Amino acid sequence: MQRPDLRRAVAAAAALTLSVAGCSAPGSDVVPTAGTAVTAAEPSCGVSPVTLRARFETGFPLARALADEFTRQHPNVTWDIREEPFDVLTRNAPRVLADEPPDLMRLPQISDVAGAGLLLGLDGYARRFGWDGRPPSQTRPLRVGAGGRPRGEGPLYATGLSTSVTGFFYNKELAARIGVREPGTLAELDDALARAARAGITPLAGFNGGATGGLTFPLQSLMGAYGSTRAVDDWTFQRPGARIDTPPNTEAARHLARWLAAGYFDADLNATDYARMVDRFTSGRALFMVNGDWESAALDRRMPGRVGFFLTPPLTAGAPRAAMAGPPSFGIAARAAHPDCAAVFLDWAASDPAARDLVVRVGGARPLGPVDPTLPVEPGSVTAATFAATDEVLADDAAMDFIANATGSVYARSWTPRLQRLVEGDLTPEGLLAGVQADYVAQTGG
């Protein structure tokens, strides 16, 4: 059920999109519904002064860098940007989109707000700009069915500024010192962790403090090794009957518990935040760090030539490697003042040469759109390694969406506190997944 304030926002969005043709999504063949408007005009930012209001994620400089470059190329466009942490964006998205809708918003979770009619449908833009020709793994997580579920099908409600991939960064110097090579199987990864521990090196830099702990990264990586990425996505996408407490996911949680019991993370894991984790890795205090390619560019600057990257190895040598991968999602509010200009910016980020260079140099990620061999990627860099990993995941269609994106509150209110209890030893792997599943049912209604 929708909250009363969300129902009012849907009605207002429908009225606005039908009455203001100049601020609407392109495509005369689009059926007008709440949150989807109709115009045959080519989307543009025009020549009159435009101020785009945006909500971006704290700690990720790419969006602001792209905004600055967009203004340089489009002097009539300025920005009113507010940055907030991941959990704040997720928690506040319904209220923000209903009460003070920005033109563009970073949206870690889109099901609830799309289902409530608070996001603009982007299929018209996708057809006009060619976004619907991208690999399915770059669009599937951004589609939402009627009423907000399931995700993975239905109209497109978001797109990205880049793609991303998550895996294991490693310190090449420490690896060489203890005779570790990139592992081909999960057993070989376990051996590398044990070697590091015996050598007095922290095997895994990690963080699990605050409202959005990071143990979800290694846990989901292990889920991809033990089971089906589609089964994990079915749960994240709220498909009827999907469960997170499956036998393969239970084995993954048990594997993570063995890493914890072996002392492979620092003892203060539950008090460590993201920035401290990255600092420990870049200071040479840990062999591995499970993280995303959004750190690649910074690692190439801070540790040039000294960092490698590999996808989580499978149980069996030669099997496809799964990973959390896909575009971090940005949506346009249903009542955005300048939806066409926001859409032009999103397309420009994937198509303009200067923008694509920024995606690489600032974001360390592969731009959306066509593969371009002229991108500024240094051979042997960790950015080059993450690019290769992204290509591998896309080719194998082995990408998963992040399990923290299943609902608007499951990350901060279920995964993080329960994983913190797993670290402390007062919750079993089975109890972890059973508890998260119960919270998920309560939040989704089934």
Protein backbone atom coordinates (compact mmCIF):
# COMPACT_ATOMS: atom_id res chain seq x y z
CA MET A 1 0.00 0.00 0.00
CA GLN A 2 1.10 3.58 -0.66
CA ARG A 3 1.33 6.11 2.13
CA PRO A 4 -1.20 8.99 1.79
CA ASP A 5 1.55 11.50 1.01
CA LEU A 6 2.86 9.27 -1.78
CA ARG A 7 -0.64 8.91 -3.25
CA ARG A 8 -0.95 12.69 -3.38
CA ALA A 9 2.48 12.90 -5.06
CA VAL A 10 1.39 10.37 -7.70
CA ALA A 11 -1.74 12.37 -8.48
CA ALA A 12 0.23 15.59 -8.69
CA ALA A 13 2.85 13.97 -10.92
CA ALA A 14 0.18 12.67 -13.28
CA ALA A 15 -1.50 16.07 -13.55
CA LEU A 16 1.80 17.84 -14.12
CA THR A 17 3.09 15.47 -16.77
CA LEU A 18 -0.11 15.77 -18.77
CA SER A 19 -0.20 19.56 -18.60
CA VAL A 20 3.42 20.64 -19.04
CA ALA A 21 4.61 19.30 -22.38
CA GLY A 22 7.79 21.34 -22.32
CA CYS A 23 9.12 19.49 -19.25
CA SER A 24 8.44 15.93 -20.27
CA ALA A 25 10.05 12.76 -21.56
CA PRO A 26 10.44 12.27 -25.32
CA GLY A 27 8.67 9.78 -27.54
CA SER A 28 5.22 10.36 -28.99
CA ASP A 29 4.54 6.62 -28.82
CA VAL A 30 4.75 6.52 -25.03
CA VAL A 31 1.47 5.76 -23.26
CA PRO A 32 0.83 8.54 -20.72
CA THR A 33 0.68 7.19 -17.17
CA ALA A 34 1.57 8.66 -13.80
CA GLY A 35 5.23 9.55 -13.93
CA THR A 36 5.54 9.23 -17.73
CA ALA A 37 4.91 12.20 -20.02
CA VAL A 38 4.70 12.68 -23.77
CA THR A 39 6.41 15.02 -26.21
CA ALA A 40 7.69 14.76 -29.73
CA ALA A 41 10.35 17.42 -29.18
CA GLU A 42 14.03 16.54 -29.19
CA PRO A 43 15.18 16.67 -25.55
CA SER A 44 17.64 19.45 -24.84
CA CYS A 45 18.73 21.95 -22.20
CA GLY A 46 17.77 24.85 -24.46
CA VAL A 47 19.60 28.20 -24.34
CA SER A 48 17.85 29.92 -21.43
CA PRO A 49 19.34 29.67 -17.92
CA VAL A 50 18.62 26.30 -16.28
CA THR A 51 19.47 25.21 -12.74
CA LEU A 52 19.48 21.44 -12.32
CA ARG A 53 18.77 20.31 -8.76
CA ALA A 54 20.56 17.09 -7.85
CA ARG A 55 21.04 14.71 -4.92
CA PHE A 56 24.32 12.81 -5.16
CA GLU A 57 26.10 10.29 -2.93
CA THR A 58 28.74 11.50 -0.48
CA GLY A 59 32.28 10.30 -1.10
CA PHE A 60 31.98 9.66 -4.82
CA PRO A 61 33.44 12.60 -6.77
CA LEU A 62 32.51 11.45 -10.28
CA ALA A 63 28.99 12.93 -10.36
CA ARG A 64 30.14 16.39 -9.32
CA ALA A 65 33.09 16.28 -11.74
CA LEU A 66 30.71 15.42 -14.58
CA ALA A 67 28.34 18.19 -13.51
CA ASP A 68 31.17 20.73 -13.66
CA GLU A 69 32.23 19.58 -17.13
CA PHE A 70 28.62 19.62 -18.34
CA THR A 71 28.32 23.26 -17.27
CA ARG A 72 31.58 24.06 -19.03
CA GLN A 73 30.12 22.67 -22.26
CA HIS A 74 26.60 24.03 -21.59
CA PRO A 75 27.11 27.44 -19.94
CA ASN A 76 23.37 28.04 -19.53
CA VAL A 77 23.16 25.08 -17.12
CA THR A 78 24.17 25.45 -13.48
CA TRP A 79 23.73 23.03 -10.60
CA ASP A 80 22.25 22.98 -7.11
CA ILE A 81 23.84 19.83 -5.67
CA ARG A 82 23.30 18.23 -2.28
CA GLU A 83 25.37 15.20 -1.27
CA GLU A 84 24.23 12.59 1.27
CA PRO A 85 25.42 9.12 2.41
CA PHE A 86 24.07 5.94 0.82
CA ASP A 87 21.75 5.06 3.70
CA VAL A 88 20.35 8.60 3.93
CA LEU A 89 19.58 8.68 0.21
CA THR A 90 17.84 5.32 0.46
CA ARG A 91 15.86 6.16 3.57
CA ASN A 92 14.77 9.65 2.49
CA ALA A 93 14.11 9.05 -1.22
CA PRO A 94 10.29 8.76 -0.96
CA ARG A 95 9.97 11.96 1.05
CA VAL A 96 12.44 13.91 -1.10
CA LEU A 97 10.84 12.84 -4.38
CA ALA A 98 7.36 13.62 -3.05
CA ASP A 99 8.01 16.91 -1.23
CA GLU A 100 11.04 18.56 -2.85
CA PRO A 101 11.70 16.64 -6.07
CA PRO A 102 15.14 17.19 -7.61
CA ASP A 103 15.74 16.87 -11.32
CA LEU A 104 18.29 14.11 -10.81
CA MET A 105 18.83 11.78 -7.85
CA ARG A 106 21.18 8.96 -6.98
CA LEU A 107 18.82 6.15 -6.00
CA PRO A 108 20.35 2.99 -4.51
CA GLN A 109 16.86 1.43 -4.32
CA ILE A 110 14.21 2.24 -6.95
CA SER A 111 11.38 -0.27 -6.40
CA ASP A 112 9.37 1.63 -3.80
CA VAL A 113 9.66 5.07 -5.37
CA ALA A 114 8.97 3.80 -8.90
CA GLY A 115 5.97 1.86 -7.65
CA ALA A 116 4.67 4.98 -5.92
CA GLY A 117 4.83 6.98 -9.16
CA LEU A 118 7.60 9.25 -7.89
CA LEU A 119 10.04 8.52 -10.72
CA LEU A 120 9.74 9.44 -14.37
CA GLY A 121 9.60 6.50 -16.77
CA LEU A 122 12.64 6.64 -19.05
CA ASP A 123 11.65 4.34 -21.91
CA GLY A 124 11.06 7.28 -24.26
CA TYR A 125 14.52 8.62 -23.55
CA ALA A 126 15.98 5.09 -23.84
CA ARG A 127 14.57 4.72 -27.33
CA ARG A 128 15.65 8.22 -28.38
CA PHE A 129 19.20 7.89 -27.02
CA GLY A 130 19.73 4.17 -27.61
CA TRP A 131 20.03 3.15 -23.95
CA ASP A 132 17.82 0.12 -24.61
CA GLY A 133 20.60 -1.29 -26.80
CA ARG A 134 22.94 -1.72 -23.84
CA PRO A 135 23.70 -5.20 -22.38
CA PRO A 136 20.76 -6.53 -20.34
CA SER A 137 22.82 -6.50 -17.13
CA GLN A 138 23.09 -2.70 -17.48
CA THR A 139 19.34 -2.16 -17.81
CA ARG A 140 17.62 -5.14 -16.15
CA PRO A 141 18.13 -3.98 -12.53
CA LEU A 142 16.71 -0.57 -13.45
CA ARG A 143 13.36 -1.83 -14.70
CA VAL A 144 10.41 -2.04 -12.33
CA GLY A 145 7.11 -3.85 -12.68
CA ALA A 146 3.68 -2.42 -11.91
CA GLY A 147 3.32 -1.33 -8.32
CA GLY A 148 7.07 -1.53 -7.71
CA ARG A 149 7.62 -5.26 -7.99
CA PRO A 150 9.21 -7.26 -9.28
CA ARG A 151 12.28 -5.41 -10.41
CA GLY A 152 14.14 -6.64 -13.47
CA GLU A 153 11.21 -6.24 -15.87
CA GLY A 154 8.81 -3.54 -16.94
CA PRO A 155 9.52 0.13 -17.69
CA LEU A 156 12.98 1.65 -17.26
CA TYR A 157 13.15 4.08 -14.33
CA ALA A 158 16.87 4.80 -13.96
CA THR A 159 20.23 4.66 -15.66
CA GLY A 160 23.82 5.31 -14.62
CA LEU A 161 26.84 7.51 -15.13
CA SER A 162 29.11 4.47 -15.46
CA THR A 163 29.08 0.75 -14.86
CA SER A 164 30.74 -0.83 -11.85
CA VAL A 165 32.13 -4.15 -10.65
CA THR A 166 33.07 -5.49 -7.22
CA GLY A 167 35.86 -7.92 -6.43
CA PHE A 168 39.18 -8.35 -4.63
CA PHE A 169 41.84 -5.66 -4.76
CA TYR A 170 45.25 -6.95 -3.67
CA ASN A 171 48.62 -5.50 -2.74
CA LYS A 172 51.06 -6.88 -5.33
CA GLU A 173 54.12 -6.36 -3.12
CA LEU A 174 52.62 -8.23 -0.17
CA ALA A 175 51.37 -10.99 -2.46
CA ALA A 176 54.82 -11.46 -3.98
CA ARG A 177 56.44 -11.52 -0.53
CA ILE A 178 54.36 -14.49 0.62
CA GLY A 179 54.14 -16.27 -2.74
CA VAL A 180 50.49 -15.57 -3.52
CA ARG A 181 49.13 -15.40 -7.07
CA GLU A 182 45.66 -14.52 -8.25
CA PRO A 183 43.55 -17.51 -7.16
CA GLY A 184 41.65 -19.60 -9.67
CA THR A 185 39.32 -21.24 -7.15
CA LEU A 186 37.79 -20.41 -3.80
CA ALA A 187 40.07 -23.00 -2.18
CA GLU A 188 43.10 -21.16 -3.57
CA LEU A 189 41.73 -17.91 -2.15
CA ASP A 190 41.38 -19.56 1.26
CA ASP A 191 45.00 -20.69 1.00
CA ALA A 192 46.13 -17.14 0.20
CA LEU A 193 44.25 -15.80 3.23
CA ALA A 194 45.87 -18.41 5.46
CA ARG A 195 49.34 -17.58 4.09
CA ALA A 196 48.84 -13.90 4.87
CA ALA A 197 47.70 -14.67 8.41
CA ARG A 198 50.74 -16.88 9.03
CA ALA A 199 52.99 -14.09 7.76
CA GLY A 200 51.48 -11.58 10.20
CA ILE A 201 49.64 -9.66 7.45
CA THR A 202 45.95 -8.83 7.82
CA PRO A 203 44.39 -10.99 5.11
CA LEU A 204 41.27 -8.86 4.52
CA ALA A 205 40.76 -5.14 5.04
CA GLY A 206 37.11 -4.71 5.92
CA PHE A 207 34.55 -2.40 7.45
CA ASN A 208 31.35 -3.17 9.28
CA GLY A 209 30.66 -0.08 11.36
CA GLY A 210 27.85 2.42 11.07
CA ALA A 211 24.45 2.00 9.47
CA THR A 212 25.75 0.40 6.26
CA GLY A 213 28.39 -2.18 7.08
CA GLY A 214 30.61 -3.62 4.41
CA LEU A 215 30.47 -7.35 5.17
CA THR A 216 27.67 -7.54 2.63
CA PHE A 217 30.41 -7.25 -0.03
CA PRO A 218 32.35 -10.43 0.82
CA LEU A 219 29.13 -12.26 1.74
CA GLN A 220 27.49 -11.60 -1.61
CA SER A 221 30.75 -12.41 -3.39
CA LEU A 222 30.65 -15.82 -1.74
CA MET A 223 26.97 -16.20 -2.66
CA GLY A 224 27.97 -15.78 -6.30
CA ALA A 225 30.60 -18.49 -5.96
CA TYR A 226 28.27 -20.99 -4.29
CA GLY A 227 25.01 -20.41 -6.12
CA SER A 228 23.09 -18.77 -8.91
CA THR A 229 23.29 -15.04 -9.57
CA ARG A 230 19.76 -15.14 -10.93
CA ALA A 231 18.48 -16.66 -7.67
CA VAL A 232 20.15 -13.86 -5.72
CA ASP A 233 18.67 -11.27 -8.07
CA ASP A 234 15.22 -12.84 -7.78
CA TRP A 235 15.34 -12.04 -4.06
CA THR A 236 16.79 -8.56 -4.56
CA PHE A 237 14.19 -7.84 -7.25
CA GLN A 238 11.32 -8.98 -4.96
CA ARG A 239 10.13 -11.80 -7.19
CA PRO A 240 7.30 -13.79 -5.57
CA GLY A 241 8.54 -16.70 -3.47
CA ALA A 242 12.22 -15.78 -3.64
CA ARG A 243 14.26 -16.42 -0.49
CA ILE A 244 17.72 -15.44 0.71
CA ASP A 245 18.08 -18.36 3.16
CA THR A 246 18.73 -20.97 0.46
CA PRO A 247 21.24 -23.84 0.84
CA PRO A 248 23.87 -22.18 -1.42
CA ASN A 249 23.57 -18.85 0.40
CA THR A 250 23.79 -20.66 3.74
CA GLU A 251 27.07 -22.24 2.62
CA ALA A 252 28.29 -18.77 1.61
CA ALA A 253 27.41 -17.36 5.05
CA ARG A 254 29.17 -20.30 6.73
CA HIS A 255 32.25 -19.61 4.62
CA LEU A 256 32.26 -15.98 5.72
CA ALA A 257 31.87 -17.12 9.34
CA ARG A 258 34.98 -19.32 8.92
CA TRP A 259 36.94 -16.27 7.72
CA LEU A 260 35.77 -14.37 10.78
CA ALA A 261 36.63 -17.22 13.16
CA ALA A 262 40.11 -17.50 11.61
CA GLY A 263 40.79 -13.83 12.36
CA TYR A 264 41.20 -12.83 8.73
CA PHE A 265 39.70 -9.37 9.41
CA ASP A 266 40.98 -6.81 11.92
CA ALA A 267 39.62 -7.32 15.44
CA ASP A 268 37.86 -3.92 15.40
CA LEU A 269 35.88 -4.76 12.26
CA ASN A 270 32.56 -3.63 13.75
CA ALA A 271 34.07 -0.27 14.69
CA THR A 272 35.77 0.31 11.33
CA ASP A 273 34.21 2.60 8.72
CA TYR A 274 34.77 2.63 4.98
CA ALA A 275 37.44 5.34 4.97
CA ARG A 276 39.51 3.53 7.60
CA MET A 277 39.28 0.28 5.64
CA VAL A 278 40.63 1.96 2.50
CA ASP A 279 43.38 3.66 4.51
CA ARG A 280 44.49 0.35 6.00
CA PHE A 281 44.71 -1.20 2.56
CA THR A 282 46.57 1.72 0.98
CA SER A 283 48.94 1.83 3.95
CA GLY A 284 50.06 -1.72 3.16
CA ARG A 285 48.45 -3.29 6.22
CA ALA A 286 46.25 -5.79 4.40
CA LEU A 287 46.66 -8.17 1.49
CA PHE A 288 43.11 -8.01 0.12
CA MET A 289 40.17 -5.59 0.13
CA VAL A 290 36.73 -6.49 -1.23
CA ASN A 291 35.52 -3.31 -2.87
CA GLY A 292 34.30 -1.77 -6.11
CA ASP A 293 35.99 -0.20 -9.11
CA TRP A 294 34.95 3.23 -7.85
CA GLU A 295 38.24 3.09 -5.90
CA SER A 296 40.36 2.16 -8.93
CA ALA A 297 41.36 5.66 -10.01
CA ALA A 298 42.28 6.68 -6.46
CA LEU A 299 44.30 3.49 -5.96
CA ASP A 300 46.18 4.11 -9.21
CA ARG A 301 47.12 7.55 -7.88
CA ARG A 302 48.03 6.45 -4.36
CA MET A 303 49.64 3.09 -5.18
CA PRO A 304 50.64 3.24 -8.87
CA GLY A 305 51.48 -0.18 -10.25
CA ARG A 306 51.16 -1.83 -6.84
CA VAL A 307 47.52 -2.96 -6.86
CA GLY A 308 45.85 -5.81 -8.70
CA PHE A 309 42.22 -6.87 -8.96
CA PHE A 310 40.39 -10.13 -9.57
CA LEU A 311 36.81 -11.34 -9.47
CA THR A 312 35.74 -13.69 -6.71
CA PRO A 313 36.99 -17.12 -7.80
CA PRO A 314 34.49 -19.96 -8.34
CA LEU A 315 34.34 -23.29 -6.54
CA THR A 316 35.55 -25.09 -9.67
CA ALA A 317 38.42 -23.89 -11.85
CA GLY A 318 37.25 -22.44 -15.15
CA ALA A 319 33.66 -21.79 -14.08
CA PRO A 320 32.24 -18.31 -14.75
CA ARG A 321 32.99 -15.73 -12.08
CA ALA A 322 30.03 -13.86 -10.68
CA ALA A 323 30.16 -10.33 -9.31
CA MET A 324 28.07 -7.44 -8.16
CA ALA A 325 28.11 -5.34 -11.30
CA GLY A 326 26.00 -2.76 -13.09
CA PRO A 327 25.40 0.98 -13.26
CA PRO A 328 24.91 2.86 -9.98
CA SER A 329 21.39 4.13 -10.54
CA PHE A 330 20.25 7.70 -11.12
CA GLY A 331 16.61 8.62 -11.65
CA ILE A 332 14.61 11.67 -12.69
CA ALA A 333 11.80 12.77 -10.39
CA ALA A 334 8.29 12.52 -11.80
CA ARG A 335 7.81 16.19 -10.93
CA ALA A 336 11.28 17.33 -11.99
CA ALA A 337 11.41 20.91 -13.24
CA HIS A 338 13.85 20.06 -16.05
CA PRO A 339 13.52 16.36 -16.94
CA ASP A 340 14.69 16.77 -20.55
CA CYS A 341 17.89 18.51 -19.46
CA ALA A 342 18.52 15.86 -16.79
CA ALA A 343 18.10 13.14 -19.41
CA VAL A 344 20.46 14.97 -21.78
CA PHE A 345 23.04 15.02 -18.98
CA LEU A 346 22.64 11.27 -18.38
CA ASP A 347 23.11 10.52 -22.08
CA TRP A 348 26.01 12.99 -22.35
CA ALA A 349 27.83 11.21 -19.49
CA ALA A 350 27.84 8.01 -21.57
CA SER A 351 28.52 9.50 -25.00
CA ASP A 352 30.60 12.69 -24.76
CA PRO A 353 34.38 12.02 -25.10
CA ALA A 354 35.34 14.40 -22.29
CA ALA A 355 32.70 12.90 -20.02
CA ARG A 356 33.84 9.36 -20.76
CA ASP A 357 37.43 10.34 -19.96
CA LEU A 358 36.25 11.70 -16.60
CA VAL A 359 34.42 8.46 -15.86
CA VAL A 360 37.75 6.67 -16.24
CA ARG A 361 40.12 9.19 -14.66
CA VAL A 362 37.90 10.23 -11.74
CA GLY A 363 35.58 7.25 -11.33
CA GLY A 364 37.96 4.45 -12.31
CA ALA A 365 35.04 2.74 -14.05
CA ARG A 366 34.09 1.70 -17.55
CA PRO A 367 31.72 4.21 -19.17
CA LEU A 368 28.33 3.03 -20.30
CA GLY A 369 27.79 2.77 -24.01
CA PRO A 370 30.15 1.39 -26.67
CA VAL A 371 33.53 -0.11 -25.80
CA ASP A 372 36.20 2.44 -26.69
CA PRO A 373 39.86 1.33 -26.95
CA THR A 374 41.07 4.96 -26.82
CA LEU A 375 39.96 5.54 -23.23
CA PRO A 376 42.76 6.79 -20.93
CA VAL A 377 43.58 3.47 -19.27
CA GLU A 378 47.22 2.80 -18.37
CA PRO A 379 48.32 -0.79 -19.15
CA GLY A 380 49.09 -2.64 -15.94
CA SER A 381 46.99 -0.28 -13.83
CA VAL A 382 44.31 -1.52 -11.47
CA THR A 383 41.80 0.43 -13.58
CA ALA A 384 42.78 -1.74 -16.54
CA ALA A 385 42.25 -4.82 -14.37
CA THR A 386 38.77 -3.71 -13.30
CA PHE A 387 37.89 -2.94 -16.93
CA ALA A 388 38.85 -6.48 -17.90
CA ALA A 389 36.80 -7.85 -15.02
CA THR A 390 33.77 -5.79 -16.07
CA ASP A 391 34.05 -7.09 -19.62
CA GLU A 392 34.28 -10.68 -18.33
CA VAL A 393 31.17 -10.35 -16.16
CA LEU A 394 29.17 -8.72 -18.95
CA ALA A 395 30.26 -11.35 -21.48
CA ASP A 396 29.24 -14.18 -19.13
CA ASP A 397 26.04 -12.39 -18.04
CA ALA A 398 27.19 -13.14 -14.48
CA ALA A 399 26.30 -9.81 -12.86
CA MET A 400 24.23 -9.45 -9.69
CA ASP A 401 22.59 -6.41 -8.20
CA PHE A 402 23.58 -5.53 -4.63
CA ILE A 403 21.55 -7.43 -2.00
CA ALA A 404 21.35 -4.21 0.04
CA ASN A 405 19.10 -2.78 -2.69
CA ALA A 406 16.27 -5.26 -2.08
CA THR A 407 14.21 -2.76 -0.06
CA GLY A 408 14.68 0.77 1.20
CA SER A 409 15.55 -0.34 4.73
CA VAL A 410 16.92 -3.88 4.54
CA TYR A 411 20.55 -2.69 4.45
CA ALA A 412 20.58 -0.44 7.52
CA ARG A 413 17.93 -2.24 9.55
CA SER A 414 18.65 -5.89 8.79
CA TRP A 415 21.84 -6.80 6.96
CA THR A 416 24.16 -4.50 8.90
CA PRO A 417 23.03 -5.15 12.48
CA ARG A 418 22.75 -8.90 11.86
CA LEU A 419 26.19 -9.08 10.26
CA GLN A 420 27.55 -7.15 13.24
CA ARG A 421 26.09 -9.83 15.48
CA LEU A 422 27.69 -12.52 13.30
CA VAL A 423 31.06 -10.83 13.86
CA GLU A 424 30.47 -10.79 17.62
CA GLY A 425 29.61 -14.48 17.59
CA ASP A 426 26.07 -14.18 18.96
CA LEU A 427 24.35 -15.07 15.67
CA THR A 428 24.88 -18.13 13.47
CA PRO A 429 25.08 -18.01 9.66
CA GLU A 430 21.71 -19.75 9.57
CA GLY A 431 20.27 -17.23 12.00
CA LEU A 432 21.67 -14.36 9.96
CA LEU A 433 19.85 -15.38 6.79
CA ALA A 434 16.66 -16.45 8.54
CA GLY A 435 16.48 -13.09 10.31
CA VAL A 436 17.09 -11.10 7.13
CA GLN A 437 14.44 -13.15 5.33
CA ALA A 438 11.91 -12.44 8.08
CA ASP A 439 12.69 -8.71 7.94
CA TYR A 440 12.40 -8.76 4.13
CA VAL A 441 8.96 -10.40 4.29
CA ALA A 442 7.82 -7.82 6.82
CA GLN A 443 9.07 -4.98 4.59
CA THR A 444 7.72 -6.32 1.29
CA GLY A 445 4.57 -8.05 2.48
CA GLY A 446 5.63 -11.43 1.10
